[in-house]
Amino acid sequence: MDVPLPEYREIIEKCVTKLADKLAALLQTQFILLGGASMVVRGSHRSTKDIDILVSEDTDLHLLQAALMRNKVLKKVGDDLLFADDTGNRSPITLDILVEAVDTIKFSKVP
């Protein structure tokens, strides 16, 4: 059974905070938060069930994923990256790591 979207807002905020802390501490990796999760962090009353981040095109995505899984931030289920401690009777929160957004926007081109 899915929970109401307002509860997802709190979960998204916690996942974004944990992700940001781990990326900064482990890899010194900068990222740009995109999509619905960025709206939630900015105070939107709408919510989402996934987190999208944009990283530099020279980021080793396999190394990044492995470090986040090794430190129990993420787990891989099939092709999906899920937040590891995200449990409950609802759809899990997923993470999409992008090196390009909207076909042409890259991390290095963002002002």
PDB file of N, CA and C in Angstrom:
ATOM      1  N   MET A   1       0.847  -1.184   0.000  1.00  0.00           N
ATOM      2  CA  MET A   1       0.000   0.000   0.000  1.00  0.00           C
ATOM      3  C   MET A   1       0.890   1.244   0.000  1.00  0.00           C
ATOM      4  N   ASP A   2       0.656   2.138  -0.920  1.00  0.00           N
ATOM      5  CA  ASP A   2       1.421   3.375  -0.977  1.00  0.00           C
ATOM      6  C   ASP A   2       0.954   4.338   0.104  1.00  0.00           C
ATOM      7  N   VAL A   3       1.908   5.093   0.640  1.00  0.00           N
ATOM      8  CA  VAL A   3       1.575   6.112   1.631  1.00  0.00           C
ATOM      9  C   VAL A   3       1.291   7.414   0.908  1.00  0.00           C
ATOM     10  N   PRO A   4       0.613   8.350   1.571  1.00  0.00           N
ATOM     11  CA  PRO A   4       0.337   9.632   0.926  1.00  0.00           C
ATOM     12  C   PRO A   4       1.629  10.354   0.563  1.00  0.00           C
ATOM     13  N   LEU A   5       1.591  11.140  -0.501  1.00  0.00           N
ATOM     14  CA  LEU A   5       2.779  11.849  -0.962  1.00  0.00           C
ATOM     15  C   LEU A   5       3.403  12.771   0.078  1.00  0.00           C
ATOM     16  N   PRO A   6       2.643  13.420   0.974  1.00  0.00           N
ATOM     17  CA  PRO A   6       3.326  14.264   1.966  1.00  0.00           C
ATOM     18  C   PRO A   6       4.375  13.511   2.780  1.00  0.00           C
ATOM     19  N   GLU A   7       4.154  12.224   3.063  1.00  0.00           N
ATOM     20  CA  GLU A   7       5.162  11.449   3.788  1.00  0.00           C
ATOM     21  C   GLU A   7       6.411  11.245   2.935  1.00  0.00           C
ATOM     22  N   TYR A   8       6.241  11.157   1.634  1.00  0.00           N
ATOM     23  CA  TYR A   8       7.396  11.030   0.746  1.00  0.00           C
ATOM     24  C   TYR A   8       8.280  12.267   0.829  1.00  0.00           C
ATOM     25  N   ARG A   9       7.696  13.426   1.042  1.00  0.00           N
ATOM     26  CA  ARG A   9       8.480  14.658   1.131  1.00  0.00           C
ATOM     27  C   ARG A   9       9.540  14.527   2.224  1.00  0.00           C
ATOM     28  N   GLU A  10       9.137  14.066   3.389  1.00  0.00           N
ATOM     29  CA  GLU A  10      10.074  13.908   4.501  1.00  0.00           C
ATOM     30  C   GLU A  10      11.151  12.875   4.164  1.00  0.00           C
ATOM     31  N   ILE A  11      10.753  11.782   3.545  1.00  0.00           N
ATOM     32  CA  ILE A  11      11.700  10.728   3.169  1.00  0.00           C
ATOM     33  C   ILE A  11      12.679  11.249   2.118  1.00  0.00           C
ATOM     34  N   ILE A  12      12.177  11.967   1.116  1.00  0.00           N
ATOM     35  CA  ILE A  12      13.038  12.546   0.077  1.00  0.00           C
ATOM     36  C   ILE A  12      14.058  13.475   0.711  1.00  0.00           C
ATOM     37  N   GLU A  13      13.615  14.344   1.626  1.00  0.00           N
ATOM     38  CA  GLU A  13      14.541  15.278   2.292  1.00  0.00           C
ATOM     39  C   GLU A  13      15.641  14.519   3.029  1.00  0.00           C
ATOM     40  N   LYS A  14      15.284  13.453   3.740  1.00  0.00           N
ATOM     41  CA  LYS A  14      16.279  12.654   4.466  1.00  0.00           C
ATOM     42  C   LYS A  14      17.255  11.978   3.506  1.00  0.00           C
ATOM     43  N   CYS A  15      16.739  11.421   2.416  1.00  0.00           N
ATOM     44  CA  CYS A  15      17.594  10.744   1.439  1.00  0.00           C
ATOM     45  C   CYS A  15      18.554  11.729   0.774  1.00  0.00           C
ATOM     46  N   VAL A  16      18.070  12.915   0.420  1.00  0.00           N
ATOM     47  CA  VAL A  16      18.928  13.932  -0.206  1.00  0.00           C
ATOM     48  C   VAL A  16      20.024  14.363   0.764  1.00  0.00           C
ATOM     49  N   THR A  17      19.678  14.569   2.022  1.00  0.00           N
ATOM     50  CA  THR A  17      20.668  14.967   3.025  1.00  0.00           C
ATOM     51  C   THR A  17      21.729  13.887   3.193  1.00  0.00           C
ATOM     52  N   LYS A  18      21.304  12.637   3.305  1.00  0.00           N
ATOM     53  CA  LYS A  18      22.255  11.533   3.465  1.00  0.00           C
ATOM     54  C   LYS A  18      23.153  11.406   2.234  1.00  0.00           C
ATOM     55  N   LEU A  19      22.568  11.518   1.062  1.00  0.00           N
ATOM     56  CA  LEU A  19      23.326  11.440  -0.182  1.00  0.00           C
ATOM     57  C   LEU A  19      24.360  12.556  -0.258  1.00  0.00           C
ATOM     58  N   ALA A  20      23.947  13.768   0.033  1.00  0.00           N
ATOM     59  CA  ALA A  20      24.867  14.916  -0.027  1.00  0.00           C
ATOM     60  C   ALA A  20      26.011  14.753   0.963  1.00  0.00           C
ATOM     61  N   ASP A  21      25.699  14.319   2.175  1.00  0.00           N
ATOM     62  CA  ASP A  21      26.739  14.126   3.196  1.00  0.00           C
ATOM     63  C   ASP A  21      27.748  13.063   2.759  1.00  0.00           C
ATOM     64  N   LYS A  22      27.266  11.946   2.237  1.00  0.00           N
ATOM     65  CA  LYS A  22      28.162  10.866   1.829  1.00  0.00           C
ATOM     66  C   LYS A  22      28.993  11.255   0.608  1.00  0.00           C
ATOM     67  N   LEU A  23      28.371  11.911  -0.360  1.00  0.00           N
ATOM     68  CA  LEU A  23      29.129  12.320  -1.544  1.00  0.00           C
ATOM     69  C   LEU A  23      30.237  13.295  -1.174  1.00  0.00           C
ATOM     70  N   ALA A  24      29.945  14.207  -0.277  1.00  0.00           N
ATOM     71  CA  ALA A  24      30.958  15.182   0.141  1.00  0.00           C
ATOM     72  C   ALA A  24      32.061  14.508   0.949  1.00  0.00           C
ATOM     73  N   ALA A  25      31.694  13.633   1.872  1.00  0.00           N
ATOM     74  CA  ALA A  25      32.669  13.003   2.753  1.00  0.00           C
ATOM     75  C   ALA A  25      33.524  11.954   2.045  1.00  0.00           C
ATOM     76  N   LEU A  26      32.909  11.145   1.210  1.00  0.00           N
ATOM     77  CA  LEU A  26      33.615  10.019   0.611  1.00  0.00           C
ATOM     78  C   LEU A  26      34.365  10.370  -0.659  1.00  0.00           C
ATOM     79  N   LEU A  27      33.727  11.125  -1.509  1.00  0.00           N
ATOM     80  CA  LEU A  27      34.253  11.269  -2.854  1.00  0.00           C
ATOM     81  C   LEU A  27      34.527  12.712  -3.270  1.00  0.00           C
ATOM     82  N   GLN A  28      34.202  13.651  -2.424  1.00  0.00           N
ATOM     83  CA  GLN A  28      34.309  15.063  -2.807  1.00  0.00           C
ATOM     84  C   GLN A  28      33.624  15.300  -4.156  1.00  0.00           C
ATOM     85  N   THR A  29      32.509  14.613  -4.357  1.00  0.00           N
ATOM     86  CA  THR A  29      31.763  14.722  -5.608  1.00  0.00           C
ATOM     87  C   THR A  29      30.676  15.769  -5.466  1.00  0.00           C
ATOM     88  N   GLN A  30      30.681  16.725  -6.378  1.00  0.00           N
ATOM     89  CA  GLN A  30      29.615  17.709  -6.411  1.00  0.00           C
ATOM     90  C   GLN A  30      28.510  17.194  -7.317  1.00  0.00           C
ATOM     91  N   PHE A  31      27.286  17.615  -7.027  1.00  0.00           N
ATOM     92  CA  PHE A  31      26.166  17.221  -7.866  1.00  0.00           C
ATOM     93  C   PHE A  31      25.131  18.329  -7.864  1.00  0.00           C
ATOM     94  N   ILE A  32      24.273  18.264  -8.853  1.00  0.00           N
ATOM     95  CA  ILE A  32      23.142  19.180  -8.946  1.00  0.00           C
ATOM     96  C   ILE A  32      21.887  18.337  -8.798  1.00  0.00           C
ATOM     97  N   LEU A  33      21.041  18.727  -7.876  1.00  0.00           N
ATOM     98  CA  LEU A  33      19.780  18.040  -7.644  1.00  0.00           C
ATOM     99  C   LEU A  33      18.771  18.526  -8.680  1.00  0.00           C
ATOM    100  N   LEU A  34      18.125  17.585  -9.356  1.00  0.00           N
ATOM    101  CA  LEU A  34      17.178  17.910 -10.420  1.00  0.00           C
ATOM    102  C   LEU A  34      15.778  17.420 -10.070  1.00  0.00           C
ATOM    103  N   GLY A  35      14.817  17.831 -10.855  1.00  0.00           N
ATOM    104  CA  GLY A  35      13.478  17.264 -10.818  1.00  0.00           C
ATOM    105  C   GLY A  35      12.697  17.537  -9.552  1.00  0.00           C
ATOM    106  N   GLY A  36      11.783  16.625  -9.270  1.00  0.00           N
ATOM    107  CA  GLY A  36      10.866  16.781  -8.147  1.00  0.00           C
ATOM    108  C   GLY A  36      11.553  16.885  -6.805  1.00  0.00           C
ATOM    109  N   ALA A  37      12.657  16.149  -6.614  1.00  0.00           N
ATOM    110  CA  ALA A  37      13.370  16.208  -5.337  1.00  0.00           C
ATOM    111  C   ALA A  37      13.914  17.608  -5.075  1.00  0.00           C
ATOM    112  N   SER A  38      14.357  18.292  -6.129  1.00  0.00           N
ATOM    113  CA  SER A  38      14.848  19.661  -5.942  1.00  0.00           C
ATOM    114  C   SER A  38      13.715  20.578  -5.517  1.00  0.00           C
ATOM    115  N   MET A  39      12.524  20.322  -6.022  1.00  0.00           N
ATOM    116  CA  MET A  39      11.353  21.114  -5.626  1.00  0.00           C
ATOM    117  C   MET A  39      10.998  20.856  -4.157  1.00  0.00           C
ATOM    118  N   VAL A  40      11.086  19.612  -3.727  1.00  0.00           N
ATOM    119  CA  VAL A  40      10.788  19.254  -2.335  1.00  0.00           C
ATOM    120  C   VAL A  40      11.749  19.973  -1.391  1.00  0.00           C
ATOM    121  N   VAL A  41      13.041  19.925  -1.710  1.00  0.00           N
ATOM    122  CA  VAL A  41      14.054  20.562  -0.860  1.00  0.00           C
ATOM    123  C   VAL A  41      13.823  22.067  -0.780  1.00  0.00           C
ATOM    124  N   ARG A  42      13.299  22.647  -1.839  1.00  0.00           N
ATOM    125  CA  ARG A  42      13.015  24.091  -1.879  1.00  0.00           C
ATOM    126  C   ARG A  42      11.677  24.438  -1.234  1.00  0.00           C
ATOM    127  N   GLY A  43      10.956  23.414  -0.712  1.00  0.00           N
ATOM    128  CA  GLY A  43       9.727  23.683   0.029  1.00  0.00           C
ATOM    129  C   GLY A  43       8.433  23.421  -0.708  1.00  0.00           C
ATOM    130  N   SER A  44       8.502  22.816  -1.876  1.00  0.00           N
ATOM    131  CA  SER A  44       7.284  22.534  -2.624  1.00  0.00           C
ATOM    132  C   SER A  44       6.391  21.583  -1.840  1.00  0.00           C
ATOM    133  N   HIS A  45       5.099  21.742  -2.005  1.00  0.00           N
ATOM    134  CA  HIS A  45       4.137  20.846  -1.358  1.00  0.00           C
ATOM    135  C   HIS A  45       3.864  19.608  -2.192  1.00  0.00           C
ATOM    136  N   ARG A  46       4.388  19.590  -3.418  1.00  0.00           N
ATOM    137  CA  ARG A  46       4.290  18.397  -4.244  1.00  0.00           C
ATOM    138  C   ARG A  46       5.421  17.462  -3.838  1.00  0.00           C
ATOM    139  N   SER A  47       5.332  16.235  -4.274  1.00  0.00           N
ATOM    140  CA  SER A  47       6.387  15.295  -3.930  1.00  0.00           C
ATOM    141  C   SER A  47       6.708  14.402  -5.112  1.00  0.00           C
ATOM    142  N   THR A  48       7.638  13.505  -4.872  1.00  0.00           N
ATOM    143  CA  THR A  48       8.125  12.592  -5.898  1.00  0.00           C
ATOM    144  C   THR A  48       8.539  11.301  -5.219  1.00  0.00           C
ATOM    145  N   LYS A  49       8.819  10.300  -6.007  1.00  0.00           N
ATOM    146  CA  LYS A  49       9.253   9.015  -5.459  1.00  0.00           C
ATOM    147  C   LYS A  49      10.647   8.645  -5.950  1.00  0.00           C
ATOM    148  N   ASP A  50      11.353   9.641  -6.536  1.00  0.00           N
ATOM    149  CA  ASP A  50      12.723   9.368  -6.965  1.00  0.00           C
ATOM    150  C   ASP A  50      13.567  10.630  -6.814  1.00  0.00           C
ATOM    151  N   ILE A  51      14.871  10.428  -6.860  1.00  0.00           N
ATOM    152  CA  ILE A  51      15.832  11.525  -6.762  1.00  0.00           C
ATOM    153  C   ILE A  51      16.716  11.455  -8.003  1.00  0.00           C
ATOM    154  N   ASP A  52      16.835  12.583  -8.687  1.00  0.00           N
ATOM    155  CA  ASP A  52      17.674  12.684  -9.879  1.00  0.00           C
ATOM    156  C   ASP A  52      18.813  13.645  -9.577  1.00  0.00           C
ATOM    157  N   ILE A  53      20.047  13.209  -9.867  1.00  0.00           N
ATOM    158  CA  ILE A  53      21.193  14.104  -9.700  1.00  0.00           C
ATOM    159  C   ILE A  53      22.000  14.152 -10.992  1.00  0.00           C
ATOM    160  N   LEU A  54      22.613  15.298 -11.211  1.00  0.00           N
ATOM    161  CA  LEU A  54      23.500  15.500 -12.348  1.00  0.00           C
ATOM    162  C   LEU A  54      24.912  15.616 -11.804  1.00  0.00           C
ATOM    163  N   VAL A  55      25.821  14.782 -12.319  1.00  0.00           N
ATOM    164  CA  VAL A  55      27.222  14.817 -11.900  1.00  0.00           C
ATOM    165  C   VAL A  55      28.084  15.139 -13.112  1.00  0.00           C
ATOM    166  N   SER A  56      29.327  15.469 -12.847  1.00  0.00           N
ATOM    167  CA  SER A  56      30.272  15.788 -13.919  1.00  0.00           C
ATOM    168  C   SER A  56      30.405  14.613 -14.871  1.00  0.00           C
ATOM    169  N   GLU A  57      30.568  14.941 -16.156  1.00  0.00           N
ATOM    170  CA  GLU A  57      30.689  13.889 -17.162  1.00  0.00           C
ATOM    171  C   GLU A  57      31.959  13.061 -16.999  1.00  0.00           C
ATOM    172  N   ASP A  58      32.928  13.541 -16.226  1.00  0.00           N
ATOM    173  CA  ASP A  58      34.137  12.737 -15.999  1.00  0.00           C
ATOM    174  C   ASP A  58      34.051  11.899 -14.714  1.00  0.00           C
ATOM    175  N   THR A  59      32.886  11.875 -14.080  1.00  0.00           N
ATOM    176  CA  THR A  59      32.675  11.043 -12.890  1.00  0.00           C
ATOM    177  C   THR A  59      32.631   9.575 -13.291  1.00  0.00           C
ATOM    178  N   ASP A  60      33.351   8.749 -12.565  1.00  0.00           N
ATOM    179  CA  ASP A  60      33.298   7.306 -12.779  1.00  0.00           C
ATOM    180  C   ASP A  60      32.030   6.789 -12.088  1.00  0.00           C
ATOM    181  N   LEU A  61      30.987   6.549 -12.876  1.00  0.00           N
ATOM    182  CA  LEU A  61      29.695   6.172 -12.303  1.00  0.00           C
ATOM    183  C   LEU A  61      29.750   4.837 -11.561  1.00  0.00           C
ATOM    184  N   HIS A  62      30.558   3.894 -12.058  1.00  0.00           N
ATOM    185  CA  HIS A  62      30.683   2.602 -11.368  1.00  0.00           C
ATOM    186  C   HIS A  62      31.339   2.784 -10.001  1.00  0.00           C
ATOM    187  N   LEU A  63      32.361   3.601  -9.941  1.00  0.00           N
ATOM    188  CA  LEU A  63      33.027   3.885  -8.666  1.00  0.00           C
ATOM    189  C   LEU A  63      32.076   4.607  -7.711  1.00  0.00           C
ATOM    190  N   LEU A  64      31.337   5.560  -8.229  1.00  0.00           N
ATOM    191  CA  LEU A  64      30.376   6.306  -7.413  1.00  0.00           C
ATOM    192  C   LEU A  64      29.311   5.379  -6.848  1.00  0.00           C
ATOM    193  N   GLN A  65      28.715   4.553  -7.688  1.00  0.00           N
ATOM    194  CA  GLN A  65      27.695   3.608  -7.224  1.00  0.00           C
ATOM    195  C   GLN A  65      28.277   2.630  -6.207  1.00  0.00           C
ATOM    196  N   ALA A  66      29.455   2.100  -6.496  1.00  0.00           N
ATOM    197  CA  ALA A  66      30.079   1.133  -5.589  1.00  0.00           C
ATOM    198  C   ALA A  66      30.346   1.750  -4.219  1.00  0.00           C
ATOM    199  N   ALA A  67      30.840   2.978  -4.196  1.00  0.00           N
ATOM    200  CA  ALA A  67      31.119   3.645  -2.915  1.00  0.00           C
ATOM    201  C   ALA A  67      29.833   3.876  -2.131  1.00  0.00           C
ATOM    202  N   LEU A  68      28.773   4.273  -2.811  1.00  0.00           N
ATOM    203  CA  LEU A  68      27.498   4.508  -2.118  1.00  0.00           C
ATOM    204  C   LEU A  68      26.881   3.203  -1.622  1.00  0.00           C
ATOM    205  N   MET A  69      27.075   2.106  -2.357  1.00  0.00           N
ATOM    206  CA  MET A  69      26.572   0.812  -1.892  1.00  0.00           C
ATOM    207  C   MET A  69      27.429   0.273  -0.748  1.00  0.00           C
ATOM    208  N   ARG A  70      28.740   0.420  -0.859  1.00  0.00           N
ATOM    209  CA  ARG A  70      29.648  -0.050   0.184  1.00  0.00           C
ATOM    210  C   ARG A  70      29.372   0.654   1.514  1.00  0.00           C
ATOM    211  N   ASN A  71      28.970   1.912   1.439  1.00  0.00           N
ATOM    212  CA  ASN A  71      28.684   2.692   2.647  1.00  0.00           C
ATOM    213  C   ASN A  71      27.212   2.673   3.030  1.00  0.00           C
ATOM    214  N   LYS A  72      26.481   1.729   2.454  1.00  0.00           N
ATOM    215  CA  LYS A  72      25.094   1.444   2.811  1.00  0.00           C
ATOM    216  C   LYS A  72      24.140   2.615   2.599  1.00  0.00           C
ATOM    217  N   VAL A  73      24.462   3.448   1.606  1.00  0.00           N
ATOM    218  CA  VAL A  73      23.534   4.506   1.213  1.00  0.00           C
ATOM    219  C   VAL A  73      22.553   3.941   0.192  1.00  0.00           C
ATOM    220  N   LEU A  74      23.067   3.155  -0.753  1.00  0.00           N
ATOM    221  CA  LEU A  74      22.251   2.577  -1.821  1.00  0.00           C
ATOM    222  C   LEU A  74      22.362   1.063  -1.833  1.00  0.00           C
ATOM    223  N   LYS A  75      21.364   0.449  -2.447  1.00  0.00           N
ATOM    224  CA  LYS A  75      21.425  -0.969  -2.796  1.00  0.00           C
ATOM    225  C   LYS A  75      20.918  -1.076  -4.226  1.00  0.00           C
ATOM    226  N   LYS A  76      21.407  -2.066  -4.936  1.00  0.00           N
ATOM    227  CA  LYS A  76      21.005  -2.257  -6.323  1.00  0.00           C
ATOM    228  C   LYS A  76      20.023  -3.417  -6.381  1.00  0.00           C
ATOM    229  N   VAL A  77      18.883  -3.179  -7.001  1.00  0.00           N
ATOM    230  CA  VAL A  77      17.873  -4.214  -7.201  1.00  0.00           C
ATOM    231  C   VAL A  77      17.554  -4.211  -8.688  1.00  0.00           C
ATOM    232  N   GLY A  78      18.015  -5.235  -9.384  1.00  0.00           N
ATOM    233  CA  GLY A  78      17.894  -5.247 -10.842  1.00  0.00           C
ATOM    234  C   GLY A  78      18.723  -4.102 -11.404  1.00  0.00           C
ATOM    235  N   ASP A  79      18.105  -3.250 -12.181  1.00  0.00           N
ATOM    236  CA  ASP A  79      18.792  -2.080 -12.732  1.00  0.00           C
ATOM    237  C   ASP A  79      18.576  -0.825 -11.902  1.00  0.00           C
ATOM    238  N   ASP A  80      17.822  -0.942 -10.812  1.00  0.00           N
ATOM    239  CA  ASP A  80      17.473   0.228 -10.001  1.00  0.00           C
ATOM    240  C   ASP A  80      18.425   0.419  -8.830  1.00  0.00           C
ATOM    241  N   LEU A  81      18.727   1.687  -8.547  1.00  0.00           N
ATOM    242  CA  LEU A  81      19.456   2.055  -7.341  1.00  0.00           C
ATOM    243  C   LEU A  81      18.433   2.552  -6.329  1.00  0.00           C
ATOM    244  N   LEU A  82      18.347   1.872  -5.193  1.00  0.00           N
ATOM    245  CA  LEU A  82      17.377   2.212  -4.154  1.00  0.00           C
ATOM    246  C   LEU A  82      18.119   2.670  -2.916  1.00  0.00           C
ATOM    247  N   PHE A  83      17.520   3.570  -2.165  1.00  0.00           N
ATOM    248  CA  PHE A  83      18.119   3.976  -0.905  1.00  0.00           C
ATOM    249  C   PHE A  83      18.020   2.819   0.067  1.00  0.00           C
ATOM    250  N   ALA A  84      19.151   2.433   0.648  1.00  0.00           N
ATOM    251  CA  ALA A  84      19.290   1.179   1.390  1.00  0.00           C
ATOM    252  C   ALA A  84      18.421   1.101   2.634  1.00  0.00           C
ATOM    253  N   ASP A  85      18.276   2.185   3.366  1.00  0.00           N
ATOM    254  CA  ASP A  85      17.498   2.114   4.602  1.00  0.00           C
ATOM    255  C   ASP A  85      16.071   2.594   4.401  1.00  0.00           C
ATOM    256  N   ASP A  86      15.661   2.672   3.164  1.00  0.00           N
ATOM    257  CA  ASP A  86      14.319   3.111   2.816  1.00  0.00           C
ATOM    258  C   ASP A  86      13.400   1.900   2.845  1.00  0.00           C
ATOM    259  N   THR A  87      12.652   1.752   3.920  1.00  0.00           N
ATOM    260  CA  THR A  87      11.752   0.614   4.052  1.00  0.00           C
ATOM    261  C   THR A  87      10.350   1.102   4.363  1.00  0.00           C
ATOM    262  N   GLY A  88       9.411   0.218   4.269  1.00  0.00           N
ATOM    263  CA  GLY A  88       8.032   0.568   4.574  1.00  0.00           C
ATOM    264  C   GLY A  88       7.095  -0.042   3.552  1.00  0.00           C
ATOM    265  N   ASN A  89       5.842   0.169   3.775  1.00  0.00           N
ATOM    266  CA  ASN A  89       4.815  -0.396   2.900  1.00  0.00           C
ATOM    267  C   ASN A  89       4.469   0.598   1.792  1.00  0.00           C
ATOM    268  N   ARG A  90       5.454   0.919   0.975  1.00  0.00           N
ATOM    269  CA  ARG A  90       5.264   1.855  -0.131  1.00  0.00           C
ATOM    270  C   ARG A  90       6.333   1.589  -1.170  1.00  0.00           C
ATOM    271  N   SER A  91       6.225   2.264  -2.278  1.00  0.00           N
ATOM    272  CA  SER A  91       7.249   2.143  -3.311  1.00  0.00           C
ATOM    273  C   SER A  91       8.557   2.716  -2.788  1.00  0.00           C
ATOM    274  N   PRO A  92       9.694   2.085  -3.086  1.00  0.00           N
ATOM    275  CA  PRO A  92      10.981   2.596  -2.603  1.00  0.00           C
ATOM    276  C   PRO A  92      11.393   3.878  -3.334  1.00  0.00           C
ATOM    277  N   ILE A  93      12.286   4.619  -2.702  1.00  0.00           N
ATOM    278  CA  ILE A  93      12.857   5.822  -3.307  1.00  0.00           C
ATOM    279  C   ILE A  93      14.035   5.382  -4.169  1.00  0.00           C
ATOM    280  N   THR A  94      14.048   5.776  -5.425  1.00  0.00           N
ATOM    281  CA  THR A  94      15.121   5.412  -6.343  1.00  0.00           C
ATOM    282  C   THR A  94      16.021   6.614  -6.614  1.00  0.00           C
ATOM    283  N   LEU A  95      17.245   6.323  -7.058  1.00  0.00           N
ATOM    284  CA  LEU A  95      18.203   7.359  -7.420  1.00  0.00           C
ATOM    285  C   LEU A  95      18.593   7.174  -8.881  1.00  0.00           C
ATOM    286  N   ASP A  96      18.520   8.253  -9.640  1.00  0.00           N
ATOM    287  CA  ASP A  96      19.013   8.279 -11.010  1.00  0.00           C
ATOM    288  C   ASP A  96      20.213   9.217 -11.051  1.00  0.00           C
ATOM    289  N   ILE A  97      21.367   8.700 -11.485  1.00  0.00           N
ATOM    290  CA  ILE A  97      22.587   9.497 -11.595  1.00  0.00           C
ATOM    291  C   ILE A  97      22.807   9.798 -13.064  1.00  0.00           C
ATOM    292  N   LEU A  98      22.793  11.077 -13.410  1.00  0.00           N
ATOM    293  CA  LEU A  98      22.887  11.506 -14.804  1.00  0.00           C
ATOM    294  C   LEU A  98      24.178  12.276 -15.042  1.00  0.00           C
ATOM    295  N   VAL A  99      24.710  12.155 -16.241  1.00  0.00           N
ATOM    296  CA  VAL A  99      25.835  12.992 -16.658  1.00  0.00           C
ATOM    297  C   VAL A  99      25.390  14.003 -17.708  1.00  0.00           C
ATOM    298  N   GLU A 100      24.142  13.879 -18.114  1.00  0.00           N
ATOM    299  CA  GLU A 100      23.571  14.815 -19.080  1.00  0.00           C
ATOM    300  C   GLU A 100      22.075  14.892 -18.805  1.00  0.00           C
ATOM    301  N   ALA A 101      21.542  16.110 -18.841  1.00  0.00           N
ATOM    302  CA  ALA A 101      20.109  16.304 -18.640  1.00  0.00           C
ATOM    303  C   ALA A 101      19.523  16.998 -19.857  1.00  0.00           C
ATOM    304  N   VAL A 102      18.336  16.655 -20.203  1.00  0.00           N
ATOM    305  CA  VAL A 102      17.618  17.275 -21.314  1.00  0.00           C
ATOM    306  C   VAL A 102      18.467  17.285 -22.583  1.00  0.00           C
ATOM    307  N   ASP A 103      19.076  16.179 -22.884  1.00  0.00           N
ATOM    308  CA  ASP A 103      19.836  15.946 -24.113  1.00  0.00           C
ATOM    309  C   ASP A 103      21.127  16.733 -24.266  1.00  0.00           C
ATOM    310  N   THR A 104      21.249  17.914 -23.703  1.00  0.00           N
ATOM    311  CA  THR A 104      22.446  18.711 -23.965  1.00  0.00           C
ATOM    312  C   THR A 104      23.048  19.380 -22.743  1.00  0.00           C
ATOM    313  N   ILE A 105      22.356  19.403 -21.631  1.00  0.00           N
ATOM    314  CA  ILE A 105      22.853  20.125 -20.462  1.00  0.00           C
ATOM    315  C   ILE A 105      23.775  19.201 -19.659  1.00  0.00           C
ATOM    316  N   LYS A 106      25.040  19.612 -19.535  1.00  0.00           N
ATOM    317  CA  LYS A 106      26.022  18.845 -18.771  1.00  0.00           C
ATOM    318  C   LYS A 106      26.433  19.657 -17.549  1.00  0.00           C
ATOM    319  N   PHE A 107      26.936  18.958 -16.531  1.00  0.00           N
ATOM    320  CA  PHE A 107      27.354  19.575 -15.284  1.00  0.00           C
ATOM    321  C   PHE A 107      28.321  20.736 -15.539  1.00  0.00           C
ATOM    322  N   SER A 108      29.269  20.518 -16.417  1.00  0.00           N
ATOM    323  CA  SER A 108      30.301  21.539 -16.689  1.00  0.00           C
ATOM    324  C   SER A 108      29.742  22.772 -17.385  1.00  0.00           C
ATOM    325  N   LYS A 109      28.550  22.668 -17.938  1.00  0.00           N
ATOM    326  CA  LYS A 109      27.951  23.806 -18.655  1.00  0.00           C
ATOM    327  C   LYS A 109      26.957  24.585 -17.808  1.00  0.00           C
ATOM    328  N   VAL A 110      26.722  24.148 -16.571  1.00  0.00           N
ATOM    329  CA  VAL A 110      25.781  24.833 -15.691  1.00  0.00           C
ATOM    330  C   VAL A 110      26.501  25.985 -15.017  1.00  0.00           C
ATOM    331  N   PRO A 111      25.924  27.198 -15.106  1.00  0.00           N
ATOM    332  CA  PRO A 111      26.607  28.366 -14.502  1.00  0.00           C
ATOM    333  C   PRO A 111      26.686  28.283 -12.993  1.00  0.00           C
TER     334      PRO A 111
END
